[in-house]
C-alpha atoms as a PDB file:
ATOM      1  CA  MET A   1      10.970 100.848 129.463  1.00  0.00           C
ATOM      2  CA  PRO A   2      14.118 102.694 128.270  1.00  0.00           C
ATOM      3  CA  ASP A   3      14.144 104.628 125.041  1.00  0.00           C
ATOM      4  CA  THR A   4      15.080 102.459 122.068  1.00  0.00           C
ATOM      5  CA  GLU A   5      18.044 104.758 121.431  1.00  0.00           C
ATOM      6  CA  GLU A   6      19.449 103.558 124.788  1.00  0.00           C
ATOM      7  CA  ILE A   7      18.925  99.841 124.060  1.00  0.00           C
ATOM      8  CA  ASP A   8      22.017  98.115 122.715  1.00  0.00           C
ATOM      9  CA  GLY A   9      20.252  95.830 120.259  1.00  0.00           C
ATOM     10  CA  ASP A  10      17.404  95.476 117.798  1.00  0.00           C
ATOM     11  CA  VAL A  11      15.811  92.348 119.322  1.00  0.00           C
ATOM     12  CA  TYR A  12      15.027  91.004 122.767  1.00  0.00           C
ATOM     13  CA  VAL A  13      16.257  87.432 123.349  1.00  0.00           C
ATOM     14  CA  PHE A  14      14.353  84.953 125.518  1.00  0.00           C
ATOM     15  CA  PRO A  15      15.435  82.962 127.411  1.00  0.00           C
ATOM     16  CA  ARG A  16      18.457  85.020 128.280  1.00  0.00           C
ATOM     17  CA  TYR A  17      20.776  82.028 128.525  1.00  0.00           C
ATOM     18  CA  LEU A  18      20.478  81.795 124.728  1.00  0.00           C
ATOM     19  CA  ALA A  19      21.493  85.420 124.129  1.00  0.00           C
ATOM     20  CA  GLY A  20      25.234  84.877 123.780  1.00  0.00           C
ATOM     21  CA  THR A  21      27.822  87.500 124.600  1.00  0.00           C
ATOM     22  CA  SER A  22      27.012  91.179 124.154  1.00  0.00           C
ATOM     23  CA  TRP A  23      30.637  92.015 123.245  1.00  0.00           C
ATOM     24  CA  SER A  24      30.425  94.841 125.768  1.00  0.00           C
ATOM     25  CA  VAL A  25      33.065  94.665 128.510  1.00  0.00           C
ATOM     26  CA  ASP A  26      32.609  97.928 130.423  1.00  0.00           C
ATOM     27  CA  PRO A  27      29.406  97.017 132.345  1.00  0.00           C
ATOM     28  CA  ALA A  28      31.189  94.068 133.969  1.00  0.00           C
ATOM     29  CA  LEU A  29      34.198  96.164 134.957  1.00  0.00           C
ATOM     30  CA  GLU A  30      32.409  99.259 136.236  1.00  0.00           C
ATOM     31  CA  PRO A  31      31.452  97.842 139.684  1.00  0.00           C
ATOM     32  CA  LEU A  32      35.135  97.214 140.426  1.00  0.00           C
ATOM     33  CA  GLN A  33      36.337 100.470 138.894  1.00  0.00           C
ATOM     34  CA  ALA A  34      34.051 102.312 141.303  1.00  0.00           C
ATOM     35  CA  LEU A  35      35.884 100.667 144.235  1.00  0.00           C
ATOM     36  CA  GLY A  36      39.304 101.799 143.099  1.00  0.00           C
ATOM     37  CA  PHE A  37      40.593  98.565 141.587  1.00  0.00           C
ATOM     38  CA  ASP A  38      43.872  99.114 139.757  1.00  0.00           C
ATOM     39  CA  PHE A  39      43.505  98.351 136.023  1.00  0.00           C
ATOM     40  CA  SER A  40      46.243  97.531 133.560  1.00  0.00           C
ATOM     41  CA  SER A  41      46.615  95.808 130.205  1.00  0.00           C
ATOM     42  CA  ASP A  42      49.290  94.038 128.199  1.00  0.00           C
ATOM     43  CA  ASP A  43      50.314  94.118 124.545  1.00  0.00           C
ATOM     44  CA  CYS A  44      47.727  91.421 123.721  1.00  0.00           C
ATOM     45  CA  ASP A  45      44.778  93.542 124.956  1.00  0.00           C
ATOM     46  CA  ASN A  46      44.311  91.383 128.044  1.00  0.00           C
ATOM     47  CA  THR A  47      43.008  93.474 130.952  1.00  0.00           C
ATOM     48  CA  TYR A  48      43.863  92.926 134.606  1.00  0.00           C
ATOM     49  CA  ALA A  49      42.275  94.401 137.744  1.00  0.00           C
ATOM     50  CA  ILE A  50      43.630  94.180 141.290  1.00  0.00           C
ATOM     51  CA  SER A  51      41.758  95.276 144.404  1.00  0.00           C
ATOM     52  CA  PRO A  52      43.265  97.925 146.707  1.00  0.00           C
ATOM     53  CA  ASP A  53      44.156  95.219 149.262  1.00  0.00           C
ATOM     54  CA  HIS A  54      45.573  92.936 146.498  1.00  0.00           C
ATOM     55  CA  ARG A  55      43.297  90.076 147.575  1.00  0.00           C
ATOM     56  CA  VAL A  56      40.952  90.051 144.565  1.00  0.00           C
ATOM     57  CA  ARG A  57      42.162  89.800 140.983  1.00  0.00           C
ATOM     58  CA  LEU A  58      40.236  89.838 137.730  1.00  0.00           C
ATOM     59  CA  GLY A  59      41.455  88.976 134.290  1.00  0.00           C
ATOM     60  CA  PHE A  60      39.693  89.706 131.014  1.00  0.00           C
ATOM     61  CA  LEU A  61      41.687  87.506 128.669  1.00  0.00           C
ATOM     62  CA  PRO A  62      40.668  87.660 124.996  1.00  0.00           C
ATOM     63  CA  GLU A  63      44.166  86.408 124.127  1.00  0.00           C
ATOM     64  CA  GLY A  64      44.418  83.849 126.916  1.00  0.00           C
ATOM     65  CA  GLU A  65      45.557  80.251 126.599  1.00  0.00           C
ATOM     66  CA  ASP A  66      41.997  78.882 126.474  1.00  0.00           C
ATOM     67  CA  ASP A  67      38.399  80.067 126.132  1.00  0.00           C
ATOM     68  CA  GLY A  68      38.240  81.241 129.743  1.00  0.00           C
ATOM     69  CA  LEU A  69      37.591  84.872 128.871  1.00  0.00           C
ATOM     70  CA  TRP A  70      36.881  86.001 132.440  1.00  0.00           C
ATOM     71  CA  ARG A  71      38.785  84.746 135.483  1.00  0.00           C
ATOM     72  CA  ILE A  72      38.257  86.126 138.982  1.00  0.00           C
ATOM     73  CA  ASN A  73      40.266  84.836 141.948  1.00  0.00           C
ATOM     74  CA  ALA A  74      40.426  85.761 145.636  1.00  0.00           C
ATOM     75  CA  TYR A  75      43.352  85.299 148.033  1.00  0.00           C
ATOM     76  CA  ARG A  76      43.930  85.309 151.774  1.00  0.00           C
ATOM     77  CA  ASP A  77      47.685  85.456 151.300  1.00  0.00           C
ATOM     78  CA  ARG A  78      48.840  87.787 148.527  1.00  0.00           C
ATOM     79  CA  PHE A  79      51.564  85.295 147.598  1.00  0.00           C
ATOM     80  CA  GLY A  80      49.569  82.132 148.216  1.00  0.00           C
ATOM     81  CA  PRO A  81      47.192  80.103 146.044  1.00  0.00           C
ATOM     82  CA  PRO A  82      43.670  81.405 145.393  1.00  0.00           C
ATOM     83  CA  VAL A  83      41.018  80.678 147.994  1.00  0.00           C
ATOM     84  CA  TRP A  84      38.354  80.568 145.290  1.00  0.00           C
ATOM     85  CA  GLY A  85      38.038  81.148 141.585  1.00  0.00           C
ATOM     86  CA  VAL A  86      35.229  81.890 139.142  1.00  0.00           C
ATOM     87  CA  SER A  87      35.416  81.788 135.355  1.00  0.00           C
ATOM     88  CA  PHE A  88      33.206  82.563 132.360  1.00  0.00           C
ATOM     89  CA  ASN A  89      34.018  81.581 128.802  1.00  0.00           C
ATOM     90  CA  ASP A  90      33.905  83.793 125.722  1.00  0.00           C
ATOM     91  CA  ALA A  91      30.324  82.804 124.817  1.00  0.00           C
ATOM     92  CA  ALA A  92      28.783  83.638 128.209  1.00  0.00           C
ATOM     93  CA  PRO A  93      26.321  86.552 128.245  1.00  0.00           C
ATOM     94  CA  THR A  94      28.183  89.513 129.691  1.00  0.00           C
ATOM     95  CA  GLU A  95      25.198  90.241 131.932  1.00  0.00           C
ATOM     96  CA  PHE A  96      26.064  87.105 133.936  1.00  0.00           C
ATOM     97  CA  VAL A  97      29.561  88.460 134.535  1.00  0.00           C
ATOM     98  CA  THR A  98      28.147  91.863 135.488  1.00  0.00           C
ATOM     99  CA  ALA A  99      25.785  90.243 137.999  1.00  0.00           C
ATOM    100  CA  PHE A 100      28.771  88.495 139.572  1.00  0.00           C
ATOM    101  CA  THR A 101      31.079  91.537 139.700  1.00  0.00           C
ATOM    102  CA  THR A 102      28.246  93.630 141.154  1.00  0.00           C
ATOM    103  CA  ALA A 103      27.768  91.077 143.954  1.00  0.00           C
ATOM    104  CA  LEU A 104      31.536  90.896 144.402  1.00  0.00           C
ATOM    105  CA  ALA A 105      31.713  94.672 144.755  1.00  0.00           C
ATOM    106  CA  ARG A 106      29.088  94.557 147.507  1.00  0.00           C
ATOM    107  CA  ALA A 107      30.966  91.768 149.287  1.00  0.00           C
ATOM    108  CA  TYR A 108      34.286  93.587 148.945  1.00  0.00           C
ATOM    109  CA  THR A 109      32.748  96.709 150.449  1.00  0.00           C
ATOM    110  CA  ALA A 110      31.531  94.605 153.401  1.00  0.00           C
ATOM    111  CA  GLY A 111      35.054  93.303 154.013  1.00  0.00           C
ATOM    112  CA  PRO A 112      37.081  90.060 153.961  1.00  0.00           C
ATOM    113  CA  ASP A 113      34.529  88.243 156.088  1.00  0.00           C
ATOM    114  CA  ALA A 114      32.133  88.602 153.156  1.00  0.00           C
ATOM    115  CA  TYR A 115      34.230  88.124 150.023  1.00  0.00           C
ATOM    116  CA  LEU A 116      36.387  85.398 151.607  1.00  0.00           C
ATOM    117  CA  ALA A 117      33.574  83.724 153.538  1.00  0.00           C
ATOM    118  CA  GLU A 118      33.694  79.973 153.006  1.00  0.00           C
ATOM    119  CA  PRO A 119      30.500  77.914 152.669  1.00  0.00           C
ATOM    120  CA  ASP A 120      29.513  75.787 155.640  1.00  0.00           C
ATOM    121  CA  LEU A 121      31.766  72.802 155.095  1.00  0.00           C
ATOM    122  CA  LYS A 122      29.897  70.795 157.754  1.00  0.00           C
ATOM    123  CA  ASP A 123      26.716  70.949 155.709  1.00  0.00           C
ATOM    124  CA  PRO A 124      27.753  72.155 152.235  1.00  0.00           C
ATOM    125  CA  GLU A 125      24.563  70.904 150.547  1.00  0.00           C
ATOM    126  CA  LEU A 126      22.524  73.363 152.630  1.00  0.00           C
ATOM    127  CA  GLY A 127      24.461  76.295 151.195  1.00  0.00           C
ATOM    128  CA  ALA A 128      24.295  74.781 147.732  1.00  0.00           C
ATOM    129  CA  PHE A 129      20.530  74.566 147.962  1.00  0.00           C
ATOM    130  CA  ASP A 130      20.341  78.281 148.795  1.00  0.00           C
ATOM    131  CA  ALA A 131      22.305  79.057 145.631  1.00  0.00           C
ATOM    132  CA  VAL A 132      19.922  77.063 143.409  1.00  0.00           C
ATOM    133  CA  VAL A 133      16.733  78.562 144.877  1.00  0.00           C
ATOM    134  CA  PRO A 134      16.539  81.169 142.041  1.00  0.00           C
ATOM    135  CA  LEU A 135      16.670  78.333 139.507  1.00  0.00           C
ATOM    136  CA  ILE A 136      13.892  76.413 141.238  1.00  0.00           C
ATOM    137  CA  LYS A 137      11.694  79.514 141.468  1.00  0.00           C
ATOM    138  CA  ASN A 138      12.041  80.019 137.717  1.00  0.00           C
ATOM    139  CA  GLY A 139      11.009  76.512 136.773  1.00  0.00           C
ATOM    140  CA  TRP A 140      14.311  74.638 136.640  1.00  0.00           C
ATOM    141  CA  GLN A 141      13.893  70.963 137.509  1.00  0.00           C
ATOM    142  CA  PHE A 142      16.090  68.482 139.347  1.00  0.00           C
ATOM    143  CA  GLN A 143      17.248  65.724 137.035  1.00  0.00           C
ATOM    144  CA  HIS A 144      17.624  62.014 137.721  1.00  0.00           C
ATOM    145  CA  PRO A 145      20.208  61.882 140.525  1.00  0.00           C
ATOM    146  CA  ARG A 146      23.729  60.764 139.678  1.00  0.00           C
ATOM    147  CA  TRP A 147      26.305  59.671 142.192  1.00  0.00           C
ATOM    148  CA  GLY A 148      27.983  62.773 143.564  1.00  0.00           C
ATOM    149  CA  VAL A 149      26.186  65.251 141.301  1.00  0.00           C
ATOM    150  CA  MET A 150      23.142  67.456 141.867  1.00  0.00           C
ATOM    151  CA  GLU A 151      21.808  68.631 138.511  1.00  0.00           C
ATOM    152  CA  LEU A 152      19.102  71.112 137.577  1.00  0.00           C
ATOM    153  CA  GLN A 153      17.933  71.846 134.073  1.00  0.00           C
ATOM    154  CA  ALA A 154      16.055  74.748 132.505  1.00  0.00           C
ATOM    155  CA  PRO A 155      12.472  74.074 131.329  1.00  0.00           C
ATOM    156  CA  ASP A 156      13.564  73.838 127.675  1.00  0.00           C
ATOM    157  CA  GLY A 157      16.576  71.679 128.501  1.00  0.00           C
ATOM    158  CA  MET A 158      19.007  74.199 126.998  1.00  0.00           C
ATOM    159  CA  ALA A 159      20.767  75.260 130.197  1.00  0.00           C
ATOM    160  CA  THR A 160      22.097  73.210 133.100  1.00  0.00           C
ATOM    161  CA  CYS A 161      23.544  73.738 136.563  1.00  0.00           C
ATOM    162  CA  GLU A 162      25.654  71.013 138.195  1.00  0.00           C
ATOM    163  CA  TYR A 163      26.873  70.887 141.787  1.00  0.00           C
ATOM    164  CA  THR A 164      29.417  68.159 142.519  1.00  0.00           C
ATOM    165  CA  THR A 165      29.699  66.719 146.019  1.00  0.00           C
ATOM    166  CA  GLY A 166      32.663  65.068 147.690  1.00  0.00           C
ATOM    167  CA  HIS A 167      36.355  65.960 147.592  1.00  0.00           C
ATOM    168  CA  LEU A 168      37.705  67.800 144.554  1.00  0.00           C
ATOM    169  CA  ASP A 169      41.232  68.666 143.498  1.00  0.00           C
ATOM    170  CA  SER A 170      41.656  72.405 144.136  1.00  0.00           C
ATOM    171  CA  GLU A 171      44.075  72.926 141.236  1.00  0.00           C
ATOM    172  CA  LYS A 172      41.798  71.175 138.745  1.00  0.00           C
ATOM    173  CA  GLU A 173      38.885  73.268 139.978  1.00  0.00           C
ATOM    174  CA  LEU A 174      40.766  76.421 138.983  1.00  0.00           C
ATOM    175  CA  THR A 175      42.009  75.194 135.621  1.00  0.00           C
ATOM    176  CA  THR A 176      39.345  72.818 134.244  1.00  0.00           C
ATOM    177  CA  LEU A 177      35.578  72.414 134.095  1.00  0.00           C
ATOM    178  CA  GLY A 178      35.811  70.024 137.037  1.00  0.00           C
ATOM    179  CA  ALA A 179      34.815  72.697 139.547  1.00  0.00           C
ATOM    180  CA  ARG A 180      32.286  72.467 142.355  1.00  0.00           C
ATOM    181  CA  TRP A 181      29.829  74.557 140.348  1.00  0.00           C
ATOM    182  CA  HIS A 182      29.433  74.211 136.613  1.00  0.00           C
ATOM    183  CA  LEU A 183      26.739  76.021 134.636  1.00  0.00           C
ATOM    184  CA  TRP A 184      26.347  75.958 130.873  1.00  0.00           C
ATOM    185  CA  GLY A 185      23.801  76.583 128.144  1.00  0.00           C
ATOM    186  CA  GLY A 186      23.171  76.904 124.429  1.00  0.00           C
ATOM    187  CA  PRO A 187      22.654  74.534 121.511  1.00  0.00           C
ATOM    188  CA  LYS A 188      24.171  71.111 122.175  1.00  0.00           C
ATOM    189  CA  ASN A 189      26.130  70.962 118.936  1.00  0.00           C
ATOM    190  CA  GLY A 190      27.416  74.474 118.502  1.00  0.00           C
ATOM    191  CA  TYR A 191      30.337  76.709 119.367  1.00  0.00           C
ATOM    192  CA  ALA A 192      27.944  79.176 120.976  1.00  0.00           C
ATOM    193  CA  ARG A 193      27.700  77.117 124.178  1.00  0.00           C
ATOM    194  CA  TRP A 194      28.672  79.129 127.224  1.00  0.00           C
ATOM    195  CA  TYR A 195      29.857  78.019 130.638  1.00  0.00           C
ATOM    196  CA  ALA A 196      30.607  79.390 134.075  1.00  0.00           C
ATOM    197  CA  THR A 197      32.457  77.681 136.917  1.00  0.00           C
ATOM    198  CA  ALA A 198      32.926  78.393 140.616  1.00  0.00           C
ATOM    199  CA  THR A 199      35.233  76.514 142.970  1.00  0.00           C
ATOM    200  CA  THR A 200      34.460  74.962 146.344  1.00  0.00           C
ATOM    201  CA  HIS A 201      35.164  77.936 148.582  1.00  0.00           C
ATOM    202  CA  THR A 202      33.361  80.566 146.493  1.00  0.00           C
ATOM    203  CA  PRO A 203      30.985  82.439 148.840  1.00  0.00           C
ATOM    204  CA  ILE A 204      27.409  81.264 148.272  1.00  0.00           C
ATOM    205  CA  PRO A 205      26.018  84.818 147.756  1.00  0.00           C
ATOM    206  CA  LEU A 206      28.402  85.213 144.801  1.00  0.00           C
ATOM    207  CA  VAL A 207      27.314  81.910 143.277  1.00  0.00           C
ATOM    208  CA  LYS A 208      23.697  82.899 143.854  1.00  0.00           C
ATOM    209  CA  ALA A 209      24.246  86.125 141.918  1.00  0.00           C
ATOM    210  CA  ILE A 210      25.125  83.990 138.889  1.00  0.00           C
ATOM    211  CA  THR A 211      22.197  81.567 139.220  1.00  0.00           C
ATOM    212  CA  ARG A 212      19.795  84.472 139.737  1.00  0.00           C
ATOM    213  CA  SER A 213      20.996  86.209 136.585  1.00  0.00           C
ATOM    214  CA  VAL A 214      21.025  83.027 134.494  1.00  0.00           C
ATOM    215  CA  SER A 215      17.423  82.154 135.413  1.00  0.00           C
ATOM    216  CA  ASP A 216      16.013  85.689 135.339  1.00  0.00           C
ATOM    217  CA  PRO A 217      12.969  85.613 132.997  1.00  0.00           C
ATOM    218  CA  ALA A 218      13.696  89.112 131.677  1.00  0.00           C
ATOM    219  CA  PRO A 219      15.003  88.977 128.070  1.00  0.00           C
ATOM    220  CA  LEU A 220      18.273  90.532 126.978  1.00  0.00           C
ATOM    221  CA  PRO A 221      18.784  92.977 124.074  1.00  0.00           C
ATOM    222  CA  ARG A 222      21.016  91.873 121.223  1.00  0.00           C
ATOM    223  CA  TRP A 223      21.785  92.763 117.620  1.00  0.00           C
ATOM    224  CA  ARG A 224      20.232  89.971 115.628  1.00  0.00           C
ATOM    225  CA  ASP A 225      22.853  89.870 112.884  1.00  0.00           C
ATOM    226  CA  SER A 226      25.676  89.529 115.421  1.00  0.00           C
ATOM    227  CA  MET A 227      24.149  86.459 117.093  1.00  0.00           C
ATOM    228  CA  PRO A 228      25.376  82.992 116.076  1.00  0.00           C
ATOM    229  CA  SER A 229      22.848  81.256 113.833  1.00  0.00           C
ATOM    230  CA  GLY A 230      22.386  78.447 116.354  1.00  0.00           C
ATOM    231  CA  LEU A 231      21.203  80.901 118.992  1.00  0.00           C
ATOM    232  CA  ARG A 232      18.911  82.737 116.571  1.00  0.00           C
ATOM    233  CA  LYS A 233      17.194  79.452 115.743  1.00  0.00           C
ATOM    234  CA  ALA A 234      16.909  78.253 119.346  1.00  0.00           C
ATOM    235  CA  ALA A 235      15.852  81.482 121.075  1.00  0.00           C
ATOM    236  CA  GLN A 236      12.701  83.550 120.889  1.00  0.00           C
ATOM    237  CA  LEU A 237      13.478  86.916 119.294  1.00  0.00           C
ATOM    238  CA  THR A 238      11.182  89.900 119.687  1.00  0.00           C
ATOM    239  CA  PRO A 239      11.872  93.129 117.773  1.00  0.00           C
ATOM    240  CA  VAL A 240      12.673  96.202 119.811  1.00  0.00           C
ATOM    241  CA  LEU A 241       9.836  98.428 118.681  1.00  0.00           C
ATOM    242  CA  PRO A 242      10.170 102.226 118.667  1.00  0.00           C
ATOM    243  CA  PRO A 243       8.302 103.951 121.479  1.00  0.00           C
ATOM    244  CA  ARG A 244       4.892 105.401 120.750  1.00  0.00           C
ATOM    245  CA  PRO A 245       4.803 109.174 120.513  1.00  0.00           C
ATOM    246  CA  PRO A 246       3.275 110.745 123.613  1.00  0.00           C
ATOM    247  CA  ALA A 247      -0.336 111.883 123.386  1.00  0.00           C
ATOM    248  CA  PRO A 248      -0.635 115.652 122.937  1.00  0.00           C
ATOM    249  CA  THR A 249      -1.508 117.593 126.047  1.00  0.00           C
ATOM    250  CA  PRO A 250      -4.242 120.283 126.109  1.00  0.00           C
ATOM    251  CA  LEU A 251      -1.452 122.872 126.009  1.00  0.00           C
ATOM    252  CA  ASP A 252      -0.016 121.255 122.854  1.00  0.00           C
ATOM    253  CA  VAL A 253      -3.444 121.377 121.207  1.00  0.00           C
ATOM    254  CA  GLN A 254      -3.812 125.041 122.142  1.00  0.00           C
ATOM    255  CA  ARG A 255      -0.410 125.915 120.687  1.00  0.00           C
ATOM    256  CA  ILE A 256      -1.178 124.133 117.423  1.00  0.00           C
ATOM    257  CA  ALA A 257      -4.499 125.927 117.143  1.00  0.00           C
ATOM    258  CA  SER A 258      -2.857 129.301 117.763  1.00  0.00           C
ATOM    259  CA  ARG A 259      -0.472 128.769 114.852  1.00  0.00           C
ATOM    260  CA  ARG A 260      -3.227 128.041 112.303  1.00  0.00           C
ATOM    261  CA  PRO A 261      -4.285 130.929 109.967  1.00  0.00           C
ATOM    262  CA  ALA A 262      -7.684 132.430 110.620  1.00  0.00           C
ATOM    263  CA  ALA A 263     -10.453 130.918 108.480  1.00  0.00           C
ATOM    264  CA  LEU A 264     -11.865 133.139 105.693  1.00  0.00           C
ATOM    265  CA  PRO A 265     -15.596 133.894 105.715  1.00  0.00           C
ATOM    266  CA  THR A 266     -17.492 131.505 103.512  1.00  0.00           C
ATOM    267  CA  THR A 267     -19.133 134.374 101.593  1.00  0.00           C
ATOM    268  CA  SER A 268     -15.766 135.507 100.235  1.00  0.00           C
ATOM    269  CA  VAL A 269     -15.039 132.153  98.593  1.00  0.00           C
ATOM    270  CA  PRO A 270     -16.852 131.497  95.283  1.00  0.00           C
ATOM    271  CA  ARG A 271     -18.142 127.948  95.152  1.00  0.00           C
ATOM    272  CA  TRP A 272     -17.813 126.798  91.555  1.00  0.00           C
ATOM    273  CA  SER A 273     -18.642 123.334  90.453  1.00  0.00           C
ATOM    274  CA  THR A 274     -17.950 121.559  87.178  1.00  0.00           C
ATOM    275  CA  THR A 275     -21.410 120.040  87.359  1.00  0.00           C
ATOM    276  CA  SER A 276     -23.312 123.220  88.122  1.00  0.00           C
ATOM    277  CA  ARG A 277     -25.249 124.817  85.277  1.00  0.00           C
ATOM    278  CA  PRO A 278     -24.683 128.454  84.316  1.00  0.00           C
ATOM    279  CA  ALA A 279     -27.360 130.798  85.532  1.00  0.00           C
ATOM    280  CA  LEU A 280     -30.201 131.347  83.011  1.00  0.00           C
ATOM    281  CA  PRO A 281     -30.876 134.921  81.847  1.00  0.00           C
ATOM    282  CA  SER A 282     -33.907 136.589  83.373  1.00  0.00           C
ATOM    283  CA  PRO A 283     -36.987 136.630  81.092  1.00  0.00           C
ATOM    284  CA  ARG A 284     -37.592 139.918  79.353  1.00  0.00           C
ATOM    285  CA  ARG A 285     -40.714 141.765  79.998  1.00  0.00           C
END
């Protein structure tokens, strides 16, 4: 376990899909910075990143037109429409974004056949099932089937993953919540609800990176006072306790003993007592 001085928070939050944002942007950007993505920003503090081949673009948009804080798109043609798009809103735990950008960095390193790989359109449900395997392994349950929608829900009912079948409008997928993949969580009646979306042609390994992170049973560190009250009430918070001091080694004990002053002989210390009687004089002869 890391030292508490390295933990960015005073509580651990479980389940992690109730942690809310960490307000820390750098961890999500670092995987792409390491690959030489070109970063820039505008006067509104929006940040943009473009891959060396100009086929992957990321936007961190705190001053965007909606609550889509993170938008990541990929292109086959630099001047054409996106092949796929992924978004996270401003309430999504940043760790989910970091999990995605880390997987994207691996795919980008592998080449276009990886980060532009389309799911098997002949049997799309097979690929979709692979992406929800992490959810199933962590106790998420399939809900009552609805026409055209596969839905899984977390054990406490406070997070959901939806996969929509059939034909979808590609433009609406990129600009609304009507995407092929839609994940969300948090209190039902609160502004702290987060969401993530992924469009039809998003490579399954990238979608799986999100579902794996969302359902990971490991808690996330947060500062309790910075969490929305709805999340504090719904989640299980455990204090980040300071680490125990290490047990002294035999060498430590020896050093301590060597620094102690030598004990005086007991005969040199008079032992007076307030209850002792004064010595009686010897009888005269």
